[in-house]
Protein backbone atom coordinates (compact mmCIF):
# COMPACT_ATOMS: atom_id res chain seq x y z
CA MET A 1 136.72 28.07 6.95
CA PRO A 2 136.14 25.37 4.05
CA GLU A 3 134.82 26.63 1.16
CA VAL A 4 130.79 25.76 0.75
CA SER A 5 129.92 24.22 -2.42
CA ARG A 6 126.88 23.61 -4.08
CA ILE A 7 126.56 19.90 -5.34
CA SER A 8 123.71 17.77 -7.91
CA VAL A 9 121.38 16.18 -5.92
CA LYS A 10 122.79 12.84 -7.14
CA GLU A 11 126.07 13.76 -5.67
CA ALA A 12 124.50 14.57 -2.22
CA ARG A 13 122.94 10.97 -2.38
CA GLU A 14 125.72 8.59 -3.11
CA ARG A 15 127.83 10.73 -0.22
CA ALA A 16 125.05 10.38 2.01
CA THR A 17 124.29 6.47 1.19
CA SER A 18 127.85 5.98 1.38
CA ARG A 19 127.97 7.84 4.89
CA ARG A 20 130.90 9.98 3.85
CA ALA A 21 128.63 12.86 4.66
CA LEU A 22 126.02 13.60 6.91
CA LEU A 23 122.63 14.87 5.49
CA VAL A 24 120.63 17.61 7.59
CA CYS A 25 117.44 19.43 6.83
CA GLY A 26 118.45 23.00 6.82
CA TYR A 27 114.94 24.40 8.54
CA GLU A 28 114.92 25.01 12.45
CA ASP A 29 110.87 25.07 12.11
CA GLU A 30 110.82 21.47 13.24
CA GLU A 31 107.66 20.47 11.26
CA LYS A 32 108.36 22.44 8.24
CA CYS A 33 111.74 19.83 8.42
CA ASN A 34 110.04 16.74 9.14
CA LYS A 35 107.41 17.38 6.19
CA MET A 36 110.48 17.53 3.73
CA LYS A 37 112.55 15.20 5.46
CA LEU A 38 114.71 13.05 3.45
CA GLU A 39 115.83 9.55 3.67
CA GLY A 40 118.52 8.84 6.20
CA ALA A 41 118.52 13.20 6.81
CA MET A 42 118.76 14.71 10.29
CA THR A 43 117.03 17.82 11.54
CA LEU A 44 119.04 20.80 12.27
CA ALA A 45 117.77 20.18 16.06
CA SER A 46 119.07 17.02 16.17
CA PHE A 47 122.69 17.86 14.45
CA GLN A 48 123.55 20.40 17.09
CA ALA A 49 123.34 18.18 19.69
CA THR A 50 125.54 16.25 17.54
CA LEU A 51 127.89 18.48 17.20
CA PRO A 52 130.14 18.33 19.74
CA SER A 53 131.15 14.72 18.86
CA LEU A 54 131.59 15.03 14.97
CA SER A 55 135.09 15.18 13.57
CA ARG A 56 136.17 18.35 12.26
CA ASP A 57 136.81 16.88 8.84
CA GLN A 58 133.65 15.24 8.68
CA GLU A 59 131.29 16.43 5.25
CA VAL A 60 127.76 17.85 5.63
CA ILE A 61 124.76 18.40 3.33
CA PHE A 62 122.86 21.12 4.03
CA TYR A 63 119.60 20.72 1.93
CA CYS A 64 116.09 22.88 1.76
CA ALA A 65 113.77 23.21 -0.84
């Protein structure tokens, strides 16, 4: 399994806006996630539904408050 690392907000924004990475709200609670949803981010449930179709080398950035 690849190493998990923290990145800056600026770096996360750059990777997400350039579509190099998926931005995912890390909360299971859909309501809480919708309150804190960042532009271009998907909910955890949406990510899980998309997971089977993703490439194994797709970068994913999870965030929470």
